[in-house]
Amino acid sequence: MAYEEIDYDKVKQNLIIDFCLGKEFECRQKGYAFVIDVYDKKSKLGLYKVSKYTSRCDIIGNQPPPEMLEKAIAEQGGNLEKSTMYDINNELRQWIEQNLLCD
């Protein structure tokens, strides 16, 4: 699978640090966030692009260990049976900072 080239400097400059999927429409903020996308019983880390009226999630090429994703899903009471999106947890946030947003 080919992945879109991501400009992580642009992501860092426009990162929505406290993004929460459940509150996405309460105070719409343009920028980027990381989310967990579950589809076909598989979890993947995605880059969520938020604009004024739309959002889209692109799966990124460099993925954390599946166990980290599944732990974050379980912490939110979810599982891999339902195709949906989940927020990242602190462990994933640290992984993202060390592996994707590092200089």
PDB file of N, CA and C in Angstrom:
ATOM      1  N   MET A   1       0.840  -1.178   0.000  1.00  0.00           N
ATOM      2  CA  MET A   1       0.000   0.000   0.000  1.00  0.00           C
ATOM      3  C   MET A   1       0.883   1.239   0.000  1.00  0.00           C
ATOM      4  N   ALA A   2       0.586   2.179  -0.878  1.00  0.00           N
ATOM      5  CA  ALA A   2       1.333   3.424  -0.947  1.00  0.00           C
ATOM      6  C   ALA A   2       0.705   4.433   0.005  1.00  0.00           C
ATOM      7  N   TYR A   3       1.557   5.121   0.750  1.00  0.00           N
ATOM      8  CA  TYR A   3       1.083   6.116   1.701  1.00  0.00           C
ATOM      9  C   TYR A   3       1.451   7.505   1.207  1.00  0.00           C
ATOM     10  N   GLU A   4       0.587   8.454   1.490  1.00  0.00           N
ATOM     11  CA  GLU A   4       0.818   9.843   1.125  1.00  0.00           C
ATOM     12  C   GLU A   4       2.011  10.378   1.909  1.00  0.00           C
ATOM     13  N   GLU A   5       2.850  11.146   1.253  1.00  0.00           N
ATOM     14  CA  GLU A   5       3.989  11.777   1.925  1.00  0.00           C
ATOM     15  C   GLU A   5       3.454  12.830   2.893  1.00  0.00           C
ATOM     16  N   ILE A   6       3.906  12.784   4.130  1.00  0.00           N
ATOM     17  CA  ILE A   6       3.407  13.692   5.156  1.00  0.00           C
ATOM     18  C   ILE A   6       4.492  14.698   5.521  1.00  0.00           C
ATOM     19  N   ASP A   7       4.122  15.958   5.526  1.00  0.00           N
ATOM     20  CA  ASP A   7       5.018  17.028   5.936  1.00  0.00           C
ATOM     21  C   ASP A   7       4.866  17.188   7.451  1.00  0.00           C
ATOM     22  N   TYR A   8       5.709  16.487   8.215  1.00  0.00           N
ATOM     23  CA  TYR A   8       5.583  16.500   9.672  1.00  0.00           C
ATOM     24  C   TYR A   8       5.910  17.858  10.284  1.00  0.00           C
ATOM     25  N   ASP A   9       6.680  18.700   9.606  1.00  0.00           N
ATOM     26  CA  ASP A   9       6.905  20.054  10.112  1.00  0.00           C
ATOM     27  C   ASP A   9       5.590  20.835  10.089  1.00  0.00           C
ATOM     28  N   LYS A  10       4.834  20.678   9.021  1.00  0.00           N
ATOM     29  CA  LYS A  10       3.520  21.333   8.910  1.00  0.00           C
ATOM     30  C   LYS A  10       2.557  20.770   9.958  1.00  0.00           C
ATOM     31  N   VAL A  11       2.623  19.460  10.174  1.00  0.00           N
ATOM     32  CA  VAL A  11       1.776  18.836  11.190  1.00  0.00           C
ATOM     33  C   VAL A  11       2.113  19.408  12.563  1.00  0.00           C
ATOM     34  N   LYS A  12       3.402  19.480  12.895  1.00  0.00           N
ATOM     35  CA  LYS A  12       3.826  20.013  14.204  1.00  0.00           C
ATOM     36  C   LYS A  12       3.333  21.446  14.417  1.00  0.00           C
ATOM     37  N   GLN A  13       3.404  22.261  13.371  1.00  0.00           N
ATOM     38  CA  GLN A  13       2.993  23.662  13.486  1.00  0.00           C
ATOM     39  C   GLN A  13       1.482  23.805  13.665  1.00  0.00           C
ATOM     40  N   ASN A  14       0.714  22.817  13.224  1.00  0.00           N
ATOM     41  CA  ASN A  14      -0.744  22.903  13.244  1.00  0.00           C
ATOM     42  C   ASN A  14      -1.385  21.759  14.027  1.00  0.00           C
ATOM     43  N   LEU A  15      -0.644  21.187  14.954  1.00  0.00           N
ATOM     44  CA  LEU A  15      -1.133  20.046  15.722  1.00  0.00           C
ATOM     45  C   LEU A  15      -2.133  20.494  16.786  1.00  0.00           C
ATOM     46  N   ILE A  16      -3.258  19.815  16.824  1.00  0.00           N
ATOM     47  CA  ILE A  16      -4.266  20.064  17.849  1.00  0.00           C
ATOM     48  C   ILE A  16      -3.936  19.106  18.992  1.00  0.00           C
ATOM     49  N   ILE A  17      -3.258  19.602  19.994  1.00  0.00           N
ATOM     50  CA  ILE A  17      -2.706  18.782  21.072  1.00  0.00           C
ATOM     51  C   ILE A  17      -3.788  18.043  21.857  1.00  0.00           C
ATOM     52  N   ASP A  18      -4.852  18.731  22.200  1.00  0.00           N
ATOM     53  CA  ASP A  18      -5.883  18.156  23.065  1.00  0.00           C
ATOM     54  C   ASP A  18      -7.098  17.657  22.285  1.00  0.00           C
ATOM     55  N   PHE A  19      -6.884  17.199  21.060  1.00  0.00           N
ATOM     56  CA  PHE A  19      -7.991  16.765  20.208  1.00  0.00           C
ATOM     57  C   PHE A  19      -8.733  15.579  20.820  1.00  0.00           C
ATOM     58  N   CYS A  20     -10.058  15.647  20.750  1.00  0.00           N
ATOM     59  CA  CYS A  20     -10.919  14.572  21.240  1.00  0.00           C
ATOM     60  C   CYS A  20     -12.035  14.375  20.218  1.00  0.00           C
ATOM     61  N   LEU A  21     -12.125  13.183  19.662  1.00  0.00           N
ATOM     62  CA  LEU A  21     -13.135  12.913  18.640  1.00  0.00           C
ATOM     63  C   LEU A  21     -14.546  13.234  19.125  1.00  0.00           C
ATOM     64  N   GLY A  22     -14.840  12.964  20.376  1.00  0.00           N
ATOM     65  CA  GLY A  22     -16.166  13.207  20.925  1.00  0.00           C
ATOM     66  C   GLY A  22     -16.543  14.677  21.022  1.00  0.00           C
ATOM     67  N   LYS A  23     -15.543  15.548  20.959  1.00  0.00           N
ATOM     68  CA  LYS A  23     -15.788  16.985  21.067  1.00  0.00           C
ATOM     69  C   LYS A  23     -15.408  17.728  19.792  1.00  0.00           C
ATOM     70  N   GLU A  24     -15.236  16.990  18.715  1.00  0.00           N
ATOM     71  CA  GLU A  24     -14.753  17.576  17.464  1.00  0.00           C
ATOM     72  C   GLU A  24     -15.608  18.745  16.981  1.00  0.00           C
ATOM     73  N   PHE A  25     -16.911  18.655  17.163  1.00  0.00           N
ATOM     74  CA  PHE A  25     -17.793  19.674  16.604  1.00  0.00           C
ATOM     75  C   PHE A  25     -18.199  20.746  17.616  1.00  0.00           C
ATOM     76  N   GLU A  26     -17.742  20.646  18.852  1.00  0.00           N
ATOM     77  CA  GLU A  26     -18.074  21.653  19.863  1.00  0.00           C
ATOM     78  C   GLU A  26     -17.345  22.962  19.614  1.00  0.00           C
ATOM     79  N   CYS A  27     -16.095  22.882  19.298  1.00  0.00           N
ATOM     80  CA  CYS A  27     -15.288  24.072  19.033  1.00  0.00           C
ATOM     81  C   CYS A  27     -14.331  23.710  17.902  1.00  0.00           C
ATOM     82  N   ARG A  28     -14.843  23.743  16.692  1.00  0.00           N
ATOM     83  CA  ARG A  28     -14.093  23.267  15.528  1.00  0.00           C
ATOM     84  C   ARG A  28     -12.800  24.063  15.358  1.00  0.00           C
ATOM     85  N   GLN A  29     -11.708  23.357  15.321  1.00  0.00           N
ATOM     86  CA  GLN A  29     -10.382  23.958  15.191  1.00  0.00           C
ATOM     87  C   GLN A  29      -9.690  23.316  14.005  1.00  0.00           C
ATOM     88  N   LYS A  30      -9.160  24.129  13.094  1.00  0.00           N
ATOM     89  CA  LYS A  30      -8.445  23.599  11.940  1.00  0.00           C
ATOM     90  C   LYS A  30      -7.062  23.131  12.358  1.00  0.00           C
ATOM     91  N   GLY A  31      -6.624  22.018  11.772  1.00  0.00           N
ATOM     92  CA  GLY A  31      -5.290  21.511  12.059  1.00  0.00           C
ATOM     93  C   GLY A  31      -5.216  20.010  11.881  1.00  0.00           C
ATOM     94  N   TYR A  32      -4.284  19.410  12.601  1.00  0.00           N
ATOM     95  CA  TYR A  32      -4.033  17.982  12.507  1.00  0.00           C
ATOM     96  C   TYR A  32      -4.106  17.331  13.878  1.00  0.00           C
ATOM     97  N   ALA A  33      -4.508  16.080  13.885  1.00  0.00           N
ATOM     98  CA  ALA A  33      -4.518  15.283  15.109  1.00  0.00           C
ATOM     99  C   ALA A  33      -4.207  13.843  14.714  1.00  0.00           C
ATOM    100  N   PHE A  34      -3.800  13.062  15.680  1.00  0.00           N
ATOM    101  CA  PHE A  34      -3.582  11.644  15.443  1.00  0.00           C
ATOM    102  C   PHE A  34      -4.720  10.877  16.095  1.00  0.00           C
ATOM    103  N   VAL A  35      -5.229   9.885  15.381  1.00  0.00           N
ATOM    104  CA  VAL A  35      -6.326   9.054  15.880  1.00  0.00           C
ATOM    105  C   VAL A  35      -6.027   7.603  15.534  1.00  0.00           C
ATOM    106  N   ILE A  36      -6.790   6.707  16.133  1.00  0.00           N
ATOM    107  CA  ILE A  36      -6.706   5.286  15.801  1.00  0.00           C
ATOM    108  C   ILE A  36      -7.910   4.970  14.928  1.00  0.00           C
ATOM    109  N   ASP A  37      -7.662   4.425  13.770  1.00  0.00           N
ATOM    110  CA  ASP A  37      -8.724   4.066  12.830  1.00  0.00           C
ATOM    111  C   ASP A  37      -8.850   2.548  12.799  1.00  0.00           C
ATOM    112  N   VAL A  38     -10.024   2.049  13.114  1.00  0.00           N
ATOM    113  CA  VAL A  38     -10.280   0.613  13.068  1.00  0.00           C
ATOM    114  C   VAL A  38     -11.150   0.317  11.849  1.00  0.00           C
ATOM    115  N   TYR A  39     -10.649  -0.564  11.008  1.00  0.00           N
ATOM    116  CA  TYR A  39     -11.391  -0.961   9.809  1.00  0.00           C
ATOM    117  C   TYR A  39     -11.054  -2.418   9.513  1.00  0.00           C
ATOM    118  N   ASP A  40     -12.063  -3.199   9.226  1.00  0.00           N
ATOM    119  CA  ASP A  40     -11.886  -4.613   8.888  1.00  0.00           C
ATOM    120  C   ASP A  40     -11.123  -5.357   9.990  1.00  0.00           C
ATOM    121  N   LYS A  41     -11.459  -5.020  11.251  1.00  0.00           N
ATOM    122  CA  LYS A  41     -10.883  -5.648  12.449  1.00  0.00           C
ATOM    123  C   LYS A  41      -9.382  -5.425  12.591  1.00  0.00           C
ATOM    124  N   LYS A  42      -8.880  -4.330  12.007  1.00  0.00           N
ATOM    125  CA  LYS A  42      -7.467  -3.969  12.128  1.00  0.00           C
ATOM    126  C   LYS A  42      -7.376  -2.523  12.591  1.00  0.00           C
ATOM    127  N   SER A  43      -6.444  -2.253  13.495  1.00  0.00           N
ATOM    128  CA  SER A  43      -6.248  -0.891  13.981  1.00  0.00           C
ATOM    129  C   SER A  43      -4.993  -0.293  13.352  1.00  0.00           C
ATOM    130  N   LYS A  44      -5.090   0.970  12.978  1.00  0.00           N
ATOM    131  CA  LYS A  44      -3.967   1.694  12.379  1.00  0.00           C
ATOM    132  C   LYS A  44      -3.960   3.116  12.922  1.00  0.00           C
ATOM    133  N   LEU A  45      -2.773   3.664  13.071  1.00  0.00           N
ATOM    134  CA  LEU A  45      -2.644   5.060  13.453  1.00  0.00           C
ATOM    135  C   LEU A  45      -2.880   5.911  12.219  1.00  0.00           C
ATOM    136  N   GLY A  46      -3.706   6.931  12.376  1.00  0.00           N
ATOM    137  CA  GLY A  46      -4.016   7.799  11.255  1.00  0.00           C
ATOM    138  C   GLY A  46      -3.774   9.260  11.588  1.00  0.00           C
ATOM    139  N   LEU A  47      -3.506  10.030  10.552  1.00  0.00           N
ATOM    140  CA  LEU A  47      -3.397  11.471  10.680  1.00  0.00           C
ATOM    141  C   LEU A  47      -4.748  12.053  10.297  1.00  0.00           C
ATOM    142  N   TYR A  48      -5.378  12.735  11.227  1.00  0.00           N
ATOM    143  CA  TYR A  48      -6.706  13.289  11.053  1.00  0.00           C
ATOM    144  C   TYR A  48      -6.562  14.755  10.679  1.00  0.00           C
ATOM    145  N   LYS A  49      -7.030  15.103   9.500  1.00  0.00           N
ATOM    146  CA  LYS A  49      -6.931  16.475   9.004  1.00  0.00           C
ATOM    147  C   LYS A  49      -8.285  17.151   9.200  1.00  0.00           C
ATOM    148  N   VAL A  50      -8.291  18.205   9.979  1.00  0.00           N
ATOM    149  CA  VAL A  50      -9.528  18.909  10.310  1.00  0.00           C
ATOM    150  C   VAL A  50      -9.530  20.268   9.621  1.00  0.00           C
ATOM    151  N   SER A  51     -10.566  20.515   8.831  1.00  0.00           N
ATOM    152  CA  SER A  51     -10.740  21.832   8.224  1.00  0.00           C
ATOM    153  C   SER A  51     -12.053  22.420   8.732  1.00  0.00           C
ATOM    154  N   LYS A  52     -12.438  23.552   8.211  1.00  0.00           N
ATOM    155  CA  LYS A  52     -13.605  24.253   8.750  1.00  0.00           C
ATOM    156  C   LYS A  52     -14.877  23.402   8.684  1.00  0.00           C
ATOM    157  N   TYR A  53     -15.096  22.697   7.576  1.00  0.00           N
ATOM    158  CA  TYR A  53     -16.343  21.948   7.400  1.00  0.00           C
ATOM    159  C   TYR A  53     -16.165  20.442   7.212  1.00  0.00           C
ATOM    160  N   THR A  54     -14.947  19.986   7.051  1.00  0.00           N
ATOM    161  CA  THR A  54     -14.722  18.567   6.789  1.00  0.00           C
ATOM    162  C   THR A  54     -13.537  18.034   7.592  1.00  0.00           C
ATOM    163  N   SER A  55     -13.477  16.717   7.659  1.00  0.00           N
ATOM    164  CA  SER A  55     -12.344  16.026   8.273  1.00  0.00           C
ATOM    165  C   SER A  55     -12.031  14.804   7.421  1.00  0.00           C
ATOM    166  N   ARG A  56     -10.793  14.381   7.489  1.00  0.00           N
ATOM    167  CA  ARG A  56     -10.432  13.148   6.794  1.00  0.00           C
ATOM    168  C   ARG A  56      -9.271  12.494   7.528  1.00  0.00           C
ATOM    169  N   CYS A  57      -9.236  11.184   7.454  1.00  0.00           N
ATOM    170  CA  CYS A  57      -8.198  10.425   8.138  1.00  0.00           C
ATOM    171  C   CYS A  57      -7.370   9.671   7.100  1.00  0.00           C
ATOM    172  N   ASP A  58      -6.065   9.870   7.143  1.00  0.00           N
ATOM    173  CA  ASP A  58      -5.139   9.154   6.265  1.00  0.00           C
ATOM    174  C   ASP A  58      -4.263   8.259   7.129  1.00  0.00           C
ATOM    175  N   ILE A  59      -4.217   6.993   6.804  1.00  0.00           N
ATOM    176  CA  ILE A  59      -3.361   6.051   7.522  1.00  0.00           C
ATOM    177  C   ILE A  59      -1.908   6.382   7.187  1.00  0.00           C
ATOM    178  N   ILE A  60      -1.067   6.390   8.211  1.00  0.00           N
ATOM    179  CA  ILE A  60       0.337   6.725   7.989  1.00  0.00           C
ATOM    180  C   ILE A  60       1.164   5.454   7.806  1.00  0.00           C
ATOM    181  N   GLY A  61       2.305   5.599   7.185  1.00  0.00           N
ATOM    182  CA  GLY A  61       3.143   4.443   6.888  1.00  0.00           C
ATOM    183  C   GLY A  61       3.871   3.875   8.090  1.00  0.00           C
ATOM    184  N   ASN A  62       4.421   4.736   8.929  1.00  0.00           N
ATOM    185  CA  ASN A  62       5.192   4.300  10.097  1.00  0.00           C
ATOM    186  C   ASN A  62       4.217   4.055  11.247  1.00  0.00           C
ATOM    187  N   GLN A  63       3.974   2.792  11.568  1.00  0.00           N
ATOM    188  CA  GLN A  63       2.969   2.425  12.560  1.00  0.00           C
ATOM    189  C   GLN A  63       3.593   1.991  13.889  1.00  0.00           C
ATOM    190  N   PRO A  64       2.930   2.321  14.996  1.00  0.00           N
ATOM    191  CA  PRO A  64       3.375   1.808  16.298  1.00  0.00           C
ATOM    192  C   PRO A  64       3.029   0.329  16.409  1.00  0.00           C
ATOM    193  N   PRO A  65       3.544  -0.353  17.413  1.00  0.00           N
ATOM    194  CA  PRO A  65       3.191  -1.761  17.605  1.00  0.00           C
ATOM    195  C   PRO A  65       1.664  -1.909  17.779  1.00  0.00           C
ATOM    196  N   PRO A  66       1.077  -2.927  17.173  1.00  0.00           N
ATOM    197  CA  PRO A  66      -0.375  -3.131  17.282  1.00  0.00           C
ATOM    198  C   PRO A  66      -0.870  -3.195  18.722  1.00  0.00           C
ATOM    199  N   GLU A  67      -0.040  -3.727  19.620  1.00  0.00           N
ATOM    200  CA  GLU A  67      -0.449  -3.846  21.023  1.00  0.00           C
ATOM    201  C   GLU A  67      -0.712  -2.474  21.649  1.00  0.00           C
ATOM    202  N   MET A  68       0.052  -1.467  21.243  1.00  0.00           N
ATOM    203  CA  MET A  68      -0.161  -0.115  21.765  1.00  0.00           C
ATOM    204  C   MET A  68      -1.508   0.432  21.310  1.00  0.00           C
ATOM    205  N   LEU A  69      -1.830   0.213  20.056  1.00  0.00           N
ATOM    206  CA  LEU A  69      -3.113   0.674  19.518  1.00  0.00           C
ATOM    207  C   LEU A  69      -4.272  -0.031  20.209  1.00  0.00           C
ATOM    208  N   GLU A  70      -4.151  -1.343  20.349  1.00  0.00           N
ATOM    209  CA  GLU A  70      -5.226  -2.133  20.956  1.00  0.00           C
ATOM    210  C   GLU A  70      -5.415  -1.780  22.433  1.00  0.00           C
ATOM    211  N   LYS A  71      -4.332  -1.445  23.120  1.00  0.00           N
ATOM    212  CA  LYS A  71      -4.437  -1.025  24.522  1.00  0.00           C
ATOM    213  C   LYS A  71      -5.229   0.285  24.626  1.00  0.00           C
ATOM    214  N   ALA A  72      -4.918   1.240  23.752  1.00  0.00           N
ATOM    215  CA  ALA A  72      -5.629   2.527  23.764  1.00  0.00           C
ATOM    216  C   ALA A  72      -7.109   2.337  23.445  1.00  0.00           C
ATOM    217  N   ILE A  73      -7.415   1.434  22.539  1.00  0.00           N
ATOM    218  CA  ILE A  73      -8.810   1.142  22.194  1.00  0.00           C
ATOM    219  C   ILE A  73      -9.523   0.537  23.396  1.00  0.00           C
ATOM    220  N   ALA A  74      -8.894  -0.431  24.040  1.00  0.00           N
ATOM    221  CA  ALA A  74      -9.496  -1.095  25.204  1.00  0.00           C
ATOM    222  C   ALA A  74      -9.731  -0.116  26.348  1.00  0.00           C
ATOM    223  N   GLU A  75      -8.810   0.824  26.539  1.00  0.00           N
ATOM    224  CA  GLU A  75      -8.954   1.830  27.595  1.00  0.00           C
ATOM    225  C   GLU A  75     -10.217   2.679  27.394  1.00  0.00           C
ATOM    226  N   GLN A  76     -10.674   2.768  26.148  1.00  0.00           N
ATOM    227  CA  GLN A  76     -11.869   3.548  25.833  1.00  0.00           C
ATOM    228  C   GLN A  76     -13.109   2.664  25.713  1.00  0.00           C
ATOM    229  N   GLY A  77     -12.961   1.396  26.116  1.00  0.00           N
ATOM    230  CA  GLY A  77     -14.085   0.472  26.091  1.00  0.00           C
ATOM    231  C   GLY A  77     -14.394  -0.082  24.713  1.00  0.00           C
ATOM    232  N   GLY A  78     -13.462   0.061  23.796  1.00  0.00           N
ATOM    233  CA  GLY A  78     -13.683  -0.392  22.430  1.00  0.00           C
ATOM    234  C   GLY A  78     -13.016  -1.720  22.133  1.00  0.00           C
ATOM    235  N   ASN A  79     -13.187  -2.163  20.897  1.00  0.00           N
ATOM    236  CA  ASN A  79     -12.547  -3.384  20.407  1.00  0.00           C
ATOM    237  C   ASN A  79     -12.415  -3.292  18.896  1.00  0.00           C
ATOM    238  N   LEU A  80     -11.886  -4.325  18.294  1.00  0.00           N
ATOM    239  CA  LEU A  80     -11.638  -4.319  16.849  1.00  0.00           C
ATOM    240  C   LEU A  80     -12.840  -4.791  16.034  1.00  0.00           C
ATOM    241  N   GLU A  81     -13.943  -5.107  16.687  1.00  0.00           N
ATOM    242  CA  GLU A  81     -15.118  -5.628  15.987  1.00  0.00           C
ATOM    243  C   GLU A  81     -15.866  -4.550  15.210  1.00  0.00           C
ATOM    244  N   LYS A  82     -15.826  -3.318  15.695  1.00  0.00           N
ATOM    245  CA  LYS A  82     -16.577  -2.234  15.073  1.00  0.00           C
ATOM    246  C   LYS A  82     -15.629  -1.288  14.348  1.00  0.00           C
ATOM    247  N   SER A  83     -15.921  -1.005  13.082  1.00  0.00           N
ATOM    248  CA  SER A  83     -15.119  -0.044  12.326  1.00  0.00           C
ATOM    249  C   SER A  83     -15.477   1.359  12.785  1.00  0.00           C
ATOM    250  N   THR A  84     -14.523   2.023  13.421  1.00  0.00           N
ATOM    251  CA  THR A  84     -14.719   3.372  13.944  1.00  0.00           C
ATOM    252  C   THR A  84     -13.365   3.986  14.243  1.00  0.00           C
ATOM    253  N   MET A  85     -13.361   5.158  14.846  1.00  0.00           N
ATOM    254  CA  MET A  85     -12.106   5.799  15.231  1.00  0.00           C
ATOM    255  C   MET A  85     -12.079   6.018  16.737  1.00  0.00           C
ATOM    256  N   TYR A  86     -10.870   6.042  17.284  1.00  0.00           N
ATOM    257  CA  TYR A  86     -10.643   6.246  18.712  1.00  0.00           C
ATOM    258  C   TYR A  86      -9.567   7.301  18.907  1.00  0.00           C
ATOM    259  N   ASP A  87      -9.618   7.935  20.072  1.00  0.00           N
ATOM    260  CA  ASP A  87      -8.563   8.872  20.448  1.00  0.00           C
ATOM    261  C   ASP A  87      -7.299   8.103  20.806  1.00  0.00           C
ATOM    262  N   ILE A  88      -6.159   8.772  20.692  1.00  0.00           N
ATOM    263  CA  ILE A  88      -4.906   8.169  21.141  1.00  0.00           C
ATOM    264  C   ILE A  88      -4.798   8.360  22.654  1.00  0.00           C
ATOM    265  N   ASN A  89      -3.954   7.567  23.288  1.00  0.00           N
ATOM    266  CA  ASN A  89      -3.698   7.722  24.723  1.00  0.00           C
ATOM    267  C   ASN A  89      -2.306   8.349  24.907  1.00  0.00           C
ATOM    268  N   ASN A  90      -1.895   8.531  26.158  1.00  0.00           N
ATOM    269  CA  ASN A  90      -0.585   9.154  26.430  1.00  0.00           C
ATOM    270  C   ASN A  90       0.577   8.322  25.913  1.00  0.00           C
ATOM    271  N   GLU A  91       0.466   7.007  26.003  1.00  0.00           N
ATOM    272  CA  GLU A  91       1.535   6.138  25.502  1.00  0.00           C
ATOM    273  C   GLU A  91       1.731   6.321  23.997  1.00  0.00           C
ATOM    274  N   LEU A  92       0.638   6.389  23.252  1.00  0.00           N
ATOM    275  CA  LEU A  92       0.746   6.629  21.807  1.00  0.00           C
ATOM    276  C   LEU A  92       1.247   8.036  21.517  1.00  0.00           C
ATOM    277  N   ARG A  93       0.805   9.004  22.312  1.00  0.00           N
ATOM    278  CA  ARG A  93       1.272  10.383  22.133  1.00  0.00           C
ATOM    279  C   ARG A  93       2.795  10.436  22.261  1.00  0.00           C
ATOM    280  N   GLN A  94       3.350   9.739  23.252  1.00  0.00           N
ATOM    281  CA  GLN A  94       4.801   9.698  23.427  1.00  0.00           C
ATOM    282  C   GLN A  94       5.474   9.003  22.247  1.00  0.00           C
ATOM    283  N   TRP A  95       4.881   7.910  21.772  1.00  0.00           N
ATOM    284  CA  TRP A  95       5.443   7.202  20.616  1.00  0.00           C
ATOM    285  C   TRP A  95       5.465   8.123  19.399  1.00  0.00           C
ATOM    286  N   ILE A  96       4.393   8.856  19.187  1.00  0.00           N
ATOM    287  CA  ILE A  96       4.302   9.789  18.051  1.00  0.00           C
ATOM    288  C   ILE A  96       5.380  10.857  18.161  1.00  0.00           C
ATOM    289  N   GLU A  97       5.543  11.430  19.354  1.00  0.00           N
ATOM    290  CA  GLU A  97       6.562  12.468  19.554  1.00  0.00           C
ATOM    291  C   GLU A  97       7.964  11.927  19.290  1.00  0.00           C
ATOM    292  N   GLN A  98       8.240  10.704  19.712  1.00  0.00           N
ATOM    293  CA  GLN A  98       9.584  10.126  19.567  1.00  0.00           C
ATOM    294  C   GLN A  98       9.859   9.579  18.162  1.00  0.00           C
ATOM    295  N   ASN A  99       8.808   9.150  17.452  1.00  0.00           N
ATOM    296  CA  ASN A  99       9.020   8.469  16.176  1.00  0.00           C
ATOM    297  C   ASN A  99       8.560   9.237  14.935  1.00  0.00           C
ATOM    298  N   LEU A 100       7.663  10.190  15.115  1.00  0.00           N
ATOM    299  CA  LEU A 100       7.153  10.915  13.955  1.00  0.00           C
ATOM    300  C   LEU A 100       7.455  12.406  13.995  1.00  0.00           C
ATOM    301  N   LEU A 101       7.391  12.995  15.172  1.00  0.00           N
ATOM    302  CA  LEU A 101       7.545  14.438  15.290  1.00  0.00           C
ATOM    303  C   LEU A 101       8.918  14.869  15.762  1.00  0.00           C
ATOM    304  N   CYS A 102       9.822  13.925  15.902  1.00  0.00           N
ATOM    305  CA  CYS A 102      11.189  14.259  16.354  1.00  0.00           C
ATOM    306  C   CYS A 102      11.938  14.958  15.231  1.00  0.00           C
ATOM    307  N   ASP A 103      12.920  15.757  15.604  1.00  0.00           N
ATOM    308  CA  ASP A 103      13.707  16.491  14.593  1.00  0.00           C
ATOM    309  C   ASP A 103      14.805  15.663  14.016  1.00  0.00           C
TER     310      ASP A 103
END
